[in-house]
Amino acid sequence: MASSSLVWRKSTYSGHDDNCVEIASLADGGRAVRDSKHPNKPGLTLGAAEWQVFILGVKKGKFG
């Protein structure tokens, strides 16, 4: 996956100092995740099922 070919989005909750996470949709329904401060460094790729598990965890407060 070439990072340059992805369309990256920042959360609307992000501040103006580029201190946030960016997400890009993948063709298989998964997501690519990267640190906006370091866009050229490797990020994280989650398949569709992994992404759904992650989102459920966030909604249940497992990461906060």
N, C-alpha and C. Protein backbone atom coordinates (compact mmCIF):
# COMPACT_ATOMS: atom_id res chain seq x y z
N MET A 1 0.86 -1.18 0.00
CA MET A 1 0.00 0.00 0.00
C MET A 1 0.89 1.23 0.00
N ALA A 2 0.73 2.05 -1.00
CA ALA A 2 1.49 3.30 -1.07
C ALA A 2 0.73 4.38 -0.34
N SER A 3 1.34 4.92 0.69
CA SER A 3 0.70 5.95 1.50
C SER A 3 0.29 7.16 0.67
N SER A 4 1.06 7.47 -0.37
CA SER A 4 0.76 8.65 -1.19
C SER A 4 -0.50 8.48 -2.02
N SER A 5 -0.96 7.24 -2.24
CA SER A 5 -2.15 7.02 -3.04
C SER A 5 -3.43 7.03 -2.20
N LEU A 6 -3.29 7.13 -0.90
CA LEU A 6 -4.45 7.12 -0.01
C LEU A 6 -4.97 8.53 0.22
N VAL A 7 -6.26 8.62 0.51
CA VAL A 7 -6.88 9.90 0.85
C VAL A 7 -7.01 9.94 2.38
N TRP A 8 -6.21 10.78 3.00
CA TRP A 8 -6.15 10.85 4.46
C TRP A 8 -7.13 11.88 4.99
N ARG A 9 -7.78 11.56 6.14
CA ARG A 9 -8.71 12.48 6.80
C ARG A 9 -8.31 12.65 8.25
N LYS A 10 -8.47 13.86 8.74
CA LYS A 10 -8.24 14.15 10.16
C LYS A 10 -9.60 14.25 10.85
N SER A 11 -9.62 13.90 12.10
CA SER A 11 -10.84 14.01 12.88
C SER A 11 -11.25 15.48 12.99
N THR A 12 -12.54 15.71 13.01
CA THR A 12 -13.05 17.07 13.23
C THR A 12 -12.78 17.52 14.66
N TYR A 13 -12.40 16.59 15.55
CA TYR A 13 -12.06 16.93 16.93
C TYR A 13 -10.60 17.34 17.07
N SER A 14 -9.83 17.23 16.01
CA SER A 14 -8.40 17.55 16.06
C SER A 14 -8.18 19.04 16.22
N GLY A 15 -7.07 19.37 16.87
CA GLY A 15 -6.70 20.76 17.04
C GLY A 15 -6.04 21.31 15.78
N HIS A 16 -5.58 22.52 15.85
CA HIS A 16 -4.95 23.17 14.69
C HIS A 16 -3.44 22.99 14.66
N ASP A 17 -2.88 22.26 15.62
CA ASP A 17 -1.43 22.12 15.69
C ASP A 17 -0.91 20.83 15.04
N ASP A 18 -1.72 20.16 14.23
CA ASP A 18 -1.34 18.92 13.54
C ASP A 18 -0.96 17.81 14.51
N ASN A 19 -1.49 17.83 15.69
CA ASN A 19 -1.21 16.82 16.69
C ASN A 19 -2.40 15.86 16.75
N CYS A 20 -2.53 15.04 15.71
CA CYS A 20 -3.69 14.17 15.64
C CYS A 20 -3.40 12.91 14.84
N VAL A 21 -4.39 12.08 14.75
CA VAL A 21 -4.32 10.85 13.99
C VAL A 21 -5.09 11.06 12.69
N GLU A 22 -4.57 10.49 11.60
CA GLU A 22 -5.25 10.55 10.31
C GLU A 22 -5.65 9.13 9.90
N ILE A 23 -6.78 9.03 9.22
CA ILE A 23 -7.34 7.75 8.80
C ILE A 23 -7.56 7.78 7.30
N ALA A 24 -7.28 6.66 6.64
CA ALA A 24 -7.57 6.51 5.20
C ALA A 24 -8.32 5.20 5.01
N SER A 25 -9.36 5.22 4.18
CA SER A 25 -10.12 4.01 3.87
C SER A 25 -9.34 3.16 2.87
N LEU A 26 -9.40 1.84 3.07
CA LEU A 26 -8.76 0.90 2.17
C LEU A 26 -9.81 0.18 1.33
N ALA A 27 -9.41 -0.35 0.22
CA ALA A 27 -10.34 -1.00 -0.71
C ALA A 27 -11.08 -2.18 -0.08
N ASP A 28 -10.46 -2.86 0.87
CA ASP A 28 -11.09 -4.04 1.49
C ASP A 28 -12.01 -3.68 2.66
N GLY A 29 -12.23 -2.39 2.90
CA GLY A 29 -13.08 -1.96 4.01
C GLY A 29 -12.30 -1.68 5.27
N GLY A 30 -11.02 -1.95 5.26
CA GLY A 30 -10.17 -1.66 6.41
C GLY A 30 -9.75 -0.20 6.42
N ARG A 31 -8.84 0.12 7.31
CA ARG A 31 -8.35 1.49 7.43
C ARG A 31 -6.85 1.50 7.64
N ALA A 32 -6.22 2.55 7.16
CA ALA A 32 -4.83 2.85 7.46
C ALA A 32 -4.84 4.01 8.45
N VAL A 33 -3.96 3.98 9.42
CA VAL A 33 -3.91 4.99 10.48
C VAL A 33 -2.47 5.50 10.58
N ARG A 34 -2.31 6.81 10.70
CA ARG A 34 -0.97 7.37 10.85
C ARG A 34 -1.00 8.59 11.76
N ASP A 35 0.17 8.96 12.25
CA ASP A 35 0.36 10.14 13.09
C ASP A 35 0.57 11.33 12.16
N SER A 36 -0.25 12.35 12.28
CA SER A 36 -0.16 13.51 11.38
C SER A 36 1.17 14.26 11.51
N LYS A 37 1.84 14.13 12.67
CA LYS A 37 3.13 14.79 12.85
C LYS A 37 4.24 14.11 12.06
N HIS A 38 4.02 12.84 11.71
CA HIS A 38 5.04 12.05 11.01
C HIS A 38 4.41 11.30 9.84
N PRO A 39 3.87 12.00 8.86
CA PRO A 39 3.14 11.33 7.78
C PRO A 39 3.99 10.42 6.89
N ASN A 40 5.29 10.57 6.90
CA ASN A 40 6.14 9.73 6.06
C ASN A 40 6.65 8.48 6.77
N LYS A 41 6.37 8.37 8.05
CA LYS A 41 6.76 7.17 8.79
C LYS A 41 5.67 6.11 8.67
N PRO A 42 6.03 4.84 8.87
CA PRO A 42 5.01 3.78 8.76
C PRO A 42 3.87 3.99 9.75
N GLY A 43 2.70 3.63 9.32
CA GLY A 43 1.53 3.71 10.17
C GLY A 43 1.03 2.32 10.50
N LEU A 44 -0.24 2.22 10.74
CA LEU A 44 -0.89 0.97 11.11
C LEU A 44 -1.96 0.67 10.08
N THR A 45 -2.05 -0.59 9.66
CA THR A 45 -3.09 -1.00 8.72
C THR A 45 -3.98 -2.03 9.41
N LEU A 46 -5.27 -1.77 9.40
CA LEU A 46 -6.24 -2.67 10.02
C LEU A 46 -7.20 -3.17 8.95
N GLY A 47 -7.42 -4.50 8.91
CA GLY A 47 -8.42 -5.05 8.02
C GLY A 47 -9.81 -4.64 8.47
N ALA A 48 -10.81 -4.94 7.67
CA ALA A 48 -12.18 -4.53 7.99
C ALA A 48 -12.65 -5.07 9.34
N ALA A 49 -12.40 -6.34 9.61
CA ALA A 49 -12.83 -6.93 10.89
C ALA A 49 -12.07 -6.31 12.07
N GLU A 50 -10.77 -6.10 11.89
CA GLU A 50 -9.96 -5.48 12.95
C GLU A 50 -10.43 -4.06 13.23
N TRP A 51 -10.78 -3.32 12.18
CA TRP A 51 -11.27 -1.96 12.34
C TRP A 51 -12.56 -1.94 13.15
N GLN A 52 -13.47 -2.87 12.87
CA GLN A 52 -14.73 -2.93 13.60
C GLN A 52 -14.50 -3.24 15.07
N VAL A 53 -13.57 -4.15 15.37
CA VAL A 53 -13.24 -4.46 16.76
C VAL A 53 -12.66 -3.22 17.45
N PHE A 54 -11.79 -2.51 16.76
CA PHE A 54 -11.21 -1.29 17.31
C PHE A 54 -12.28 -0.25 17.62
N ILE A 55 -13.18 -0.02 16.67
CA ILE A 55 -14.25 0.97 16.85
C ILE A 55 -15.14 0.57 18.03
N LEU A 56 -15.48 -0.70 18.16
CA LEU A 56 -16.28 -1.15 19.30
C LEU A 56 -15.54 -0.88 20.62
N GLY A 57 -14.24 -1.13 20.64
CA GLY A 57 -13.44 -0.85 21.83
C GLY A 57 -13.45 0.60 22.19
N VAL A 58 -13.33 1.47 21.19
CA VAL A 58 -13.37 2.92 21.44
C VAL A 58 -14.71 3.32 22.03
N LYS A 59 -15.79 2.81 21.44
CA LYS A 59 -17.12 3.17 21.92
C LYS A 59 -17.37 2.68 23.34
N LYS A 60 -16.72 1.59 23.72
CA LYS A 60 -16.87 1.05 25.07
C LYS A 60 -15.88 1.66 26.06
N GLY A 61 -15.03 2.59 25.59
CA GLY A 61 -14.08 3.27 26.46
C GLY A 61 -12.87 2.45 26.86
N LYS A 62 -12.52 1.45 26.06
CA LYS A 62 -11.41 0.58 26.42
C LYS A 62 -10.03 1.20 26.23
N PHE A 63 -9.95 2.33 25.56
CA PHE A 63 -8.64 2.94 25.27
C PHE A 63 -8.46 4.29 25.95
N GLY A 64 -9.32 4.67 26.82
CA GLY A 64 -9.24 5.99 27.41
C GLY A 64 -9.04 5.93 28.83
